[in-house]
Amino acid sequence: MLRRIIVVAAATLLTGTVASCGSADSWVEAKPAESWAAQYADAANSSRSPVRGAERLRLEWSRSVKGELGAQAAFSPSDYLALNAQTEAGCSLMVWEADNRARQRWCTRLVQGGPASSPLFDGFDNVYIGQPGAVLAFPPTQWIRWRRPVIGMPTTMRILDPGHLLVVTHLGQALVFDAHRGTVVGTTLDLVDGVDPTDSERGLADCLPARRGCPVAAAPAYSDASRLVVLTLWEPGAAEPVLVGLRYRPGQTPLLAREWTSDAVGGGPLASPVLSADGDTVYVNGRDERLWALNSDDGTARWSVPLGYLAQTPPAVAPDGLVVAGGGPGAELTAVRDNGDAAEIAWTRDDVEPLTTTSLAGVGYVVVRDGADGLALATVDPDDGEQIDTYPLPGATGWPVGVSVAHDGRVVTATSDGRVYGFAPS
């Protein structure tokens, strides 16, 4: 009798343990890193960090990837730094220790051809990255976790909700993957008809300059608040690109559905769209030198503001409605206040030429011209645009690819010629 009681008790304990484990699995599902997880910081492309950044910095290290760069660096929660380089030989995907003078943790070589896509970190330091024809996942070491075929070159990936990875390729294939297993969830959505599945490199040369040969030239934006994915799409034969809204519908069929197409942006959109914190508004640059705001529910225009220059990088968006316009040659540091159905210029600094998106972390970080040929990292006050300080980038050549902010306040910027600069709070 005693033995039977012990067996029953053990079985009950085991059942309870299994049930307990089964109900707590969600903690191991992939979530975005609470840092600068990928290009433009988060899935919404806000270029904003919740970290309070330092107004004063010091150059801690600089090094080269021995190749070219076309996208921002990504930070993991453990202060690892990932870069997607284009190199003639040797490693191209690199993971460094940002808090250890950029000591290389590991590296590997990918198929070349996708410089505009950045790596994506999840909250467990796993890395997700694309190469022409495939999407790959790496654990915190260099050994491949999984590799799956896709049609085209994946743009910068986004985590939709715990465990689900959004992949949109430059040829218009949109898929949702189980981030742990690497299996496709639901059905694939093809945004472009007649794509040759055996030619994943077609049109790649048109992606960085955002020309018609690259249907999806920029990273999509996703808002968990509205369950909406927004991307730019240049359809074959079209005179100019459009914006497309895809609804993400967990547990439904289809999982991704094309909800609207908008040609409201003058001349077509340029660079990645950005979604507001509440998911109600899409911000995007127009090729007509205006900053546009659209309703996220149907893609209709809400307002537009003339900038007087062609913004070649996305705007940065704060939760309070402050939008700092994107940068590029001839740009002026400009902020716009979104008042709902209209907007007004909050401030402009015509003595500062921003060449990148202004990364927001309480302080604004942006790369500016330094003299005739040099580059410098500038810190600015987002309230009025006043420049706080500048930090020259020694030996910088090429064009800057953006500024990333780590959870501990470290700041990294890089140039297209492969120079990477790490700053620490001073």
Protein backbone atom coordinates (compact mmCIF):
# COMPACT_ATOMS: atom_id res chain seq x y z
CA MET A 1 0.00 0.00 0.00
CA LEU A 2 2.82 2.35 0.92
CA ARG A 3 4.60 1.57 -2.36
CA ARG A 4 1.41 2.40 -4.31
CA ILE A 5 1.08 5.74 -2.54
CA ILE A 6 4.71 6.59 -3.39
CA VAL A 7 4.24 5.65 -7.06
CA VAL A 8 1.04 7.71 -7.34
CA ALA A 9 2.71 10.67 -5.64
CA ALA A 10 5.70 10.45 -7.98
CA ALA A 11 3.43 10.25 -11.02
CA THR A 12 1.48 13.26 -9.81
CA LEU A 13 4.69 15.22 -9.24
CA LEU A 14 5.97 14.28 -12.71
CA THR A 15 2.68 15.27 -14.35
CA GLY A 16 2.73 18.59 -12.53
CA THR A 17 6.31 19.20 -13.57
CA VAL A 18 5.58 18.47 -17.22
CA ALA A 19 2.51 20.69 -17.15
CA SER A 20 4.50 23.42 -15.45
CA CYS A 21 7.23 23.21 -18.10
CA GLY A 22 4.67 23.19 -20.87
CA SER A 23 3.02 26.35 -19.63
CA ALA A 24 6.29 28.23 -19.22
CA ASP A 25 7.91 27.56 -22.60
CA SER A 26 7.27 31.10 -23.81
CA TRP A 27 10.28 32.46 -21.98
CA VAL A 28 12.63 30.68 -24.38
CA GLU A 29 10.94 31.97 -27.53
CA ALA A 30 12.86 34.53 -29.53
CA LYS A 31 12.17 38.14 -28.61
CA PRO A 32 13.93 41.28 -29.85
CA ALA A 33 17.08 42.18 -27.97
CA GLU A 34 16.52 45.00 -25.51
CA SER A 35 19.20 46.99 -27.25
CA TRP A 36 19.83 48.22 -30.81
CA ALA A 37 18.70 44.83 -32.09
CA ALA A 38 19.06 45.61 -35.81
CA GLN A 39 19.22 48.44 -38.29
CA TYR A 40 17.08 51.41 -37.12
CA ALA A 41 16.93 49.95 -33.60
CA ASP A 42 13.60 48.11 -33.48
CA ALA A 43 10.94 46.49 -35.66
CA ALA A 44 9.16 49.84 -36.13
CA ASN A 45 12.39 51.39 -37.53
CA SER A 46 12.06 54.16 -34.93
CA SER A 47 15.85 54.71 -34.57
CA ARG A 48 15.16 55.24 -30.89
CA SER A 49 16.54 53.54 -27.80
CA PRO A 50 14.93 53.54 -24.33
CA VAL A 51 18.44 53.99 -22.92
CA ARG A 52 19.39 57.45 -21.69
CA GLY A 53 22.50 58.15 -23.71
CA ALA A 54 25.53 60.16 -22.64
CA GLU A 55 25.99 63.73 -23.83
CA ARG A 56 29.78 63.37 -23.61
CA LEU A 57 31.66 60.51 -25.23
CA ARG A 58 35.19 59.30 -25.74
CA LEU A 59 36.55 57.28 -28.64
CA GLU A 60 37.31 53.86 -27.18
CA TRP A 61 38.42 51.92 -30.25
CA SER A 62 38.33 51.79 -34.04
CA ARG A 63 38.95 48.94 -36.43
CA SER A 64 38.20 47.81 -39.97
CA VAL A 65 36.07 44.98 -41.35
CA LYS A 66 38.52 44.77 -44.27
CA GLY A 67 35.68 45.29 -46.71
CA GLU A 68 32.57 47.40 -47.21
CA LEU A 69 29.48 48.06 -45.09
CA GLY A 70 26.00 49.13 -46.13
CA ALA A 71 24.01 48.83 -42.91
CA GLN A 72 24.19 49.75 -39.24
CA ALA A 73 25.71 47.54 -36.59
CA ALA A 74 23.42 45.55 -34.27
CA PHE A 75 23.85 45.18 -30.49
CA SER A 76 22.94 42.19 -28.34
CA PRO A 77 22.01 42.31 -24.62
CA SER A 78 25.51 40.99 -23.85
CA ASP A 79 27.25 43.89 -25.62
CA TYR A 80 28.06 41.80 -28.67
CA LEU A 81 28.24 43.78 -31.89
CA ALA A 82 27.29 42.21 -35.25
CA LEU A 83 28.22 43.57 -38.68
CA ASN A 84 27.35 42.35 -42.18
CA ALA A 85 30.38 43.19 -44.32
CA GLN A 86 31.08 42.69 -48.00
CA THR A 87 34.61 41.31 -48.25
CA GLU A 88 36.72 39.89 -51.07
CA ALA A 89 37.80 36.94 -48.94
CA GLY A 90 37.66 35.65 -45.39
CA CYS A 91 34.93 36.49 -42.91
CA SER A 92 32.00 38.75 -43.70
CA LEU A 93 29.53 38.26 -40.82
CA MET A 94 31.38 39.41 -37.70
CA VAL A 95 30.47 39.42 -34.02
CA TRP A 96 32.69 41.54 -31.76
CA GLU A 97 32.74 42.33 -28.05
CA ALA A 98 31.87 46.02 -27.96
CA ASP A 99 32.83 46.37 -24.29
CA ASN A 100 36.22 44.69 -24.83
CA ARG A 101 37.79 47.02 -27.43
CA ALA A 102 35.95 45.19 -30.24
CA ARG A 103 37.68 41.87 -29.66
CA GLN A 104 36.35 39.44 -32.26
CA ARG A 105 34.13 36.77 -30.72
CA TRP A 106 33.51 34.85 -33.93
CA CYS A 107 33.07 35.35 -37.65
CA THR A 108 32.03 33.42 -40.74
CA ARG A 109 31.67 33.96 -44.46
CA LEU A 110 28.29 34.46 -46.16
CA VAL A 111 27.37 34.57 -49.83
CA GLN A 112 28.00 38.19 -50.81
CA GLY A 113 25.51 40.60 -52.36
CA GLY A 114 23.33 41.98 -49.57
CA PRO A 115 25.13 44.96 -48.02
CA ALA A 116 21.94 46.88 -47.14
CA SER A 117 20.73 44.20 -44.69
CA SER A 118 21.87 44.27 -41.09
CA PRO A 119 22.05 41.33 -38.67
CA LEU A 120 19.24 40.94 -36.12
CA PHE A 121 19.87 39.91 -32.49
CA ASP A 122 17.22 38.31 -30.32
CA GLY A 123 17.22 38.47 -26.53
CA PHE A 124 19.37 35.33 -26.26
CA ASP A 125 22.23 36.65 -28.44
CA ASN A 126 21.13 34.54 -31.42
CA VAL A 127 21.85 36.18 -34.78
CA TYR A 128 19.54 36.15 -37.83
CA ILE A 129 20.91 37.24 -41.20
CA GLY A 130 20.24 36.73 -44.89
CA GLN A 131 22.32 35.99 -47.93
CA PRO A 132 21.12 35.73 -51.55
CA GLY A 133 18.78 32.75 -51.62
CA ALA A 134 18.80 31.88 -47.92
CA VAL A 135 18.08 32.96 -44.36
CA LEU A 136 20.39 31.79 -41.57
CA ALA A 137 20.29 31.68 -37.79
CA PHE A 138 23.35 31.45 -35.55
CA PRO A 139 23.54 30.72 -31.81
CA PRO A 140 25.97 32.80 -29.70
CA THR A 141 28.73 30.79 -31.42
CA GLN A 142 29.58 30.69 -35.12
CA TRP A 143 27.99 27.30 -35.84
CA ILE A 144 24.87 27.55 -37.99
CA ARG A 145 21.68 26.92 -36.04
CA TRP A 146 19.53 26.59 -39.15
CA ARG A 147 19.55 27.63 -42.80
CA ARG A 148 16.48 27.81 -45.08
CA PRO A 149 16.02 28.74 -48.75
CA VAL A 150 14.13 31.87 -49.86
CA ILE A 151 13.70 33.67 -53.17
CA GLY A 152 15.90 36.76 -53.19
CA MET A 153 18.04 38.53 -50.61
CA PRO A 154 16.37 38.97 -47.20
CA THR A 155 16.14 42.56 -46.05
CA THR A 156 16.78 43.28 -42.37
CA MET A 157 14.56 40.84 -40.48
CA ARG A 158 12.02 41.61 -37.75
CA ILE A 159 10.61 39.61 -34.85
CA LEU A 160 6.81 39.86 -35.07
CA ASP A 161 5.94 38.35 -31.71
CA PRO A 162 7.74 35.85 -29.46
CA GLY A 163 9.07 33.05 -31.62
CA HIS A 164 8.07 34.41 -35.03
CA LEU A 165 10.53 35.92 -37.51
CA LEU A 166 9.47 38.10 -40.46
CA VAL A 167 11.54 37.73 -43.63
CA VAL A 168 10.89 39.96 -46.66
CA THR A 169 13.26 39.51 -49.60
CA HIS A 170 14.31 42.12 -52.14
CA LEU A 171 12.28 40.23 -54.78
CA GLY A 172 9.07 40.57 -52.78
CA GLN A 173 8.72 37.22 -51.03
CA ALA A 174 7.29 37.60 -47.51
CA LEU A 175 7.49 34.70 -45.03
CA VAL A 176 7.06 34.06 -41.32
CA PHE A 177 9.50 31.59 -39.75
CA ASP A 178 9.49 29.77 -36.45
CA ALA A 179 12.64 31.42 -35.12
CA HIS A 180 13.67 28.34 -33.10
CA ARG A 181 13.09 25.59 -35.66
CA GLY A 182 13.56 27.52 -38.91
CA THR A 183 10.28 26.23 -40.34
CA VAL A 184 7.85 28.39 -42.32
CA VAL A 185 4.65 29.23 -40.44
CA GLY A 186 1.56 29.68 -42.59
CA THR A 187 1.86 30.32 -46.34
CA THR A 188 4.31 32.44 -48.28
CA LEU A 189 3.07 35.76 -49.68
CA ASP A 190 4.52 36.79 -53.06
CA LEU A 191 4.25 40.54 -53.65
CA VAL A 192 5.70 40.34 -57.17
CA ASP A 193 4.46 37.97 -59.88
CA GLY A 194 6.69 35.92 -62.16
CA VAL A 195 9.87 35.95 -60.08
CA ASP A 196 12.43 33.32 -61.11
CA PRO A 197 13.02 31.21 -57.98
CA THR A 198 16.45 30.15 -59.28
CA ASP A 199 17.82 33.71 -59.60
CA SER A 200 18.01 35.20 -56.12
CA GLU A 201 20.65 37.75 -57.12
CA ARG A 202 18.63 39.50 -59.84
CA GLY A 203 18.38 43.24 -59.22
CA LEU A 204 20.62 43.31 -56.15
CA ALA A 205 22.77 46.09 -57.63
CA ASP A 206 19.68 48.34 -57.63
CA CYS A 207 18.93 47.89 -53.91
CA LEU A 208 21.39 50.33 -52.28
CA PRO A 209 20.50 53.18 -54.69
CA ALA A 210 16.78 52.19 -54.45
CA ARG A 211 16.22 51.87 -58.19
CA ARG A 212 13.42 50.09 -60.05
CA GLY A 213 15.29 46.81 -60.52
CA CYS A 214 15.03 46.09 -56.78
CA PRO A 215 11.34 45.61 -55.84
CA VAL A 216 11.90 45.86 -52.05
CA ALA A 217 14.96 48.02 -51.49
CA ALA A 218 14.58 48.83 -47.78
CA ALA A 219 13.85 47.13 -44.48
CA PRO A 220 10.13 46.77 -43.59
CA ALA A 221 8.60 48.29 -40.46
CA TYR A 222 6.38 46.36 -38.05
CA SER A 223 4.16 47.55 -35.19
CA ASP A 224 3.01 45.06 -32.60
CA ALA A 225 0.34 47.59 -31.53
CA SER A 226 -1.42 47.52 -34.91
CA ARG A 227 -0.12 44.13 -36.18
CA LEU A 228 0.88 45.91 -39.38
CA VAL A 229 3.91 45.45 -41.63
CA VAL A 230 4.68 48.37 -43.97
CA LEU A 231 7.21 48.21 -46.80
CA THR A 232 8.19 49.97 -50.01
CA LEU A 233 7.52 48.11 -53.26
CA TRP A 234 8.57 48.98 -56.80
CA GLU A 235 6.49 46.68 -58.97
CA PRO A 236 7.81 45.67 -62.41
CA GLY A 237 6.84 48.21 -65.06
CA ALA A 238 5.62 50.80 -62.54
CA ALA A 239 6.69 54.42 -62.91
CA GLU A 240 7.49 54.78 -59.21
CA PRO A 241 7.40 52.75 -55.99
CA VAL A 242 4.44 52.52 -53.61
CA LEU A 243 3.86 51.68 -49.96
CA VAL A 244 2.21 48.38 -49.06
CA GLY A 245 0.54 47.45 -45.77
CA LEU A 246 0.44 43.79 -44.71
CA ARG A 247 -1.71 42.65 -41.80
CA TYR A 248 -0.17 40.07 -39.49
CA ARG A 249 -2.93 37.78 -38.18
CA PRO A 250 -1.66 35.25 -35.63
CA GLY A 251 -3.65 32.02 -35.65
CA GLN A 252 -5.50 32.88 -38.87
CA THR A 253 -5.22 31.91 -42.51
CA PRO A 254 -3.54 33.55 -44.30
CA LEU A 255 -1.07 34.64 -41.64
CA LEU A 256 0.07 37.64 -43.71
CA ALA A 257 -2.49 39.43 -45.86
CA ARG A 258 -2.01 42.38 -48.19
CA GLU A 259 -4.35 45.01 -46.76
CA TRP A 260 -3.64 48.18 -48.75
CA THR A 261 -1.42 49.76 -51.39
CA SER A 262 -0.76 53.49 -51.30
CA ASP A 263 0.58 55.82 -53.99
CA ALA A 264 0.00 58.88 -51.82
CA VAL A 265 3.69 59.71 -51.36
CA GLY A 266 4.89 62.17 -53.97
CA GLY A 267 7.33 60.57 -56.40
CA GLY A 268 7.14 57.39 -54.37
CA PRO A 269 8.74 56.53 -51.01
CA LEU A 270 12.49 56.48 -50.43
CA ALA A 271 14.25 54.49 -47.68
CA SER A 272 12.51 52.46 -44.97
CA PRO A 273 9.15 53.51 -43.55
CA VAL A 274 8.78 54.10 -39.81
CA LEU A 275 5.76 53.31 -37.61
CA SER A 276 4.70 55.38 -34.62
CA ALA A 277 4.74 53.92 -31.11
CA ASP A 278 0.96 53.38 -31.20
CA GLY A 279 1.08 51.91 -34.71
CA ASP A 280 -1.40 54.46 -36.09
CA THR A 281 0.96 56.46 -38.31
CA VAL A 282 3.47 55.64 -41.03
CA TYR A 283 6.29 58.14 -41.57
CA VAL A 284 8.32 58.01 -44.77
CA ASN A 285 10.47 60.17 -47.03
CA GLY A 286 9.09 61.12 -50.42
CA ARG A 287 11.20 61.48 -53.54
CA ASP A 288 9.53 64.89 -53.80
CA GLU A 289 11.72 66.13 -50.90
CA ARG A 290 8.87 66.01 -48.39
CA LEU A 291 8.35 64.11 -45.16
CA TRP A 292 5.03 62.25 -45.24
CA ALA A 293 2.70 60.86 -42.57
CA LEU A 294 0.06 58.29 -43.57
CA ASN A 295 -2.79 56.56 -41.78
CA SER A 296 -1.68 53.02 -41.04
CA ASP A 297 -5.20 51.59 -41.40
CA ASP A 298 -5.58 52.44 -45.10
CA GLY A 299 -2.42 54.20 -46.35
CA THR A 300 -4.10 57.55 -46.99
CA ALA A 301 -2.04 60.71 -46.52
CA ARG A 302 -2.42 62.60 -43.24
CA TRP A 303 0.08 65.39 -43.89
CA SER A 304 3.36 66.22 -45.59
CA VAL A 305 6.04 68.79 -44.84
CA PRO A 306 8.59 70.19 -47.34
CA LEU A 307 12.18 69.59 -46.27
CA GLY A 308 14.02 71.40 -49.05
CA TYR A 309 16.38 68.45 -49.55
CA LEU A 310 16.18 64.78 -50.46
CA ALA A 311 16.30 62.73 -47.24
CA GLN A 312 18.06 59.50 -48.10
CA THR A 313 17.76 57.85 -44.69
CA PRO A 314 14.58 57.24 -42.64
CA PRO A 315 13.31 59.70 -40.04
CA ALA A 316 13.70 59.01 -36.32
CA VAL A 317 10.45 58.98 -34.33
CA ALA A 318 9.97 59.62 -30.62
CA PRO A 319 6.81 58.51 -28.74
CA ASP A 320 5.82 62.12 -28.03
CA GLY A 321 5.35 62.89 -31.73
CA LEU A 322 8.73 64.49 -32.45
CA VAL A 323 10.03 63.35 -35.83
CA VAL A 324 13.64 64.12 -36.74
CA ALA A 325 13.93 64.08 -40.51
CA GLY A 326 16.42 61.80 -42.24
CA GLY A 327 19.81 62.83 -43.54
CA GLY A 328 21.90 62.85 -46.68
CA PRO A 329 24.07 65.16 -48.78
CA GLY A 330 22.75 68.72 -48.59
CA ALA A 331 20.45 67.94 -45.64
CA GLU A 332 19.71 70.28 -42.76
CA LEU A 333 19.09 68.95 -39.26
CA THR A 334 15.30 69.30 -39.00
CA ALA A 335 12.62 68.18 -36.56
CA VAL A 336 8.87 68.09 -37.15
CA ARG A 337 6.11 68.05 -34.54
CA ASP A 338 3.21 65.73 -35.43
CA ASN A 339 -0.05 67.36 -34.32
CA GLY A 340 -2.35 64.68 -35.71
CA ASP A 341 -3.89 65.91 -38.95
CA ALA A 342 -1.14 68.49 -39.49
CA ALA A 343 2.49 69.06 -38.63
CA GLU A 344 4.84 71.96 -38.06
CA ILE A 345 8.58 72.44 -38.18
CA ALA A 346 9.78 72.26 -34.57
CA TRP A 347 13.30 73.46 -35.34
CA THR A 348 15.93 73.54 -38.07
CA ARG A 349 19.71 73.84 -37.86
CA ASP A 350 21.04 74.96 -41.24
CA ASP A 351 24.62 74.92 -39.90
CA VAL A 352 24.56 71.14 -39.39
CA GLU A 353 24.55 68.70 -42.33
CA PRO A 354 23.29 65.33 -41.05
CA LEU A 355 24.47 62.45 -43.21
CA THR A 356 22.66 59.71 -41.28
CA THR A 357 19.41 59.19 -39.44
CA THR A 358 19.60 60.83 -36.01
CA SER A 359 19.63 58.02 -33.46
CA LEU A 360 17.62 59.03 -30.39
CA ALA A 361 18.51 58.01 -26.83
CA GLY A 362 17.48 61.04 -24.84
CA VAL A 363 20.39 62.59 -26.72
CA GLY A 364 20.56 62.60 -30.52
CA TYR A 365 23.56 60.98 -32.24
CA VAL A 366 24.25 61.76 -35.90
CA VAL A 367 27.22 61.71 -38.26
CA VAL A 368 27.94 65.11 -39.81
CA ARG A 369 30.51 66.61 -42.12
CA ASP A 370 33.71 67.72 -40.42
CA GLY A 371 35.46 70.23 -42.64
CA ALA A 372 35.76 69.65 -46.38
CA ASP A 373 36.41 65.91 -46.37
CA GLY A 374 36.12 64.62 -42.81
CA LEU A 375 33.33 63.03 -40.80
CA ALA A 376 32.41 63.45 -37.14
CA LEU A 377 29.93 61.99 -34.69
CA ALA A 378 27.81 64.79 -33.20
CA THR A 379 25.64 64.79 -30.10
CA VAL A 380 22.59 67.06 -30.31
CA ASP A 381 19.74 68.11 -28.05
CA PRO A 382 16.46 66.76 -29.53
CA ASP A 383 14.48 69.56 -27.87
CA ASP A 384 16.01 72.31 -29.99
CA GLY A 385 18.65 70.73 -32.23
CA GLU A 386 21.53 72.48 -30.51
CA GLN A 387 24.82 70.71 -31.08
CA ILE A 388 26.33 69.55 -27.78
CA ASP A 389 29.68 68.21 -29.00
CA THR A 390 31.43 66.64 -31.98
CA TYR A 391 33.92 63.78 -32.16
CA PRO A 392 36.02 63.44 -35.33
CA LEU A 393 36.20 59.98 -36.92
CA PRO A 394 39.93 59.51 -37.63
CA GLY A 395 40.68 58.29 -41.14
CA ALA A 396 37.01 57.98 -42.09
CA THR A 397 36.34 57.56 -45.80
CA GLY A 398 33.22 56.65 -47.74
CA TRP A 399 29.75 57.51 -46.44
CA PRO A 400 28.40 56.85 -42.94
CA VAL A 401 25.96 53.96 -42.51
CA GLY A 402 24.35 55.03 -39.23
CA VAL A 403 24.75 55.17 -35.46
CA SER A 404 23.82 52.36 -33.03
CA VAL A 405 23.34 52.71 -29.26
CA ALA A 406 23.95 49.84 -26.80
CA HIS A 407 22.04 49.22 -23.58
CA ASP A 408 25.02 50.47 -21.55
CA GLY A 409 25.28 53.75 -23.45
CA ARG A 410 28.09 52.74 -25.79
CA VAL A 411 27.76 54.18 -29.29
CA VAL A 412 29.05 52.68 -32.54
CA THR A 413 29.14 54.21 -35.99
CA ALA A 414 30.71 52.99 -39.22
CA THR A 415 31.41 54.01 -42.81
CA SER A 416 30.81 52.30 -46.14
CA ASP A 417 34.57 51.77 -46.51
CA GLY A 418 34.47 49.48 -43.48
CA ARG A 419 35.83 51.66 -40.67
CA VAL A 420 34.00 51.07 -37.37
CA TYR A 421 34.26 53.42 -34.37
CA GLY A 422 33.30 52.60 -30.80
CA PHE A 423 32.53 55.31 -28.25
CA ALA A 424 31.94 55.00 -24.52
CA PRO A 425 30.23 57.46 -22.15
CA SER A 426 32.76 59.95 -20.81
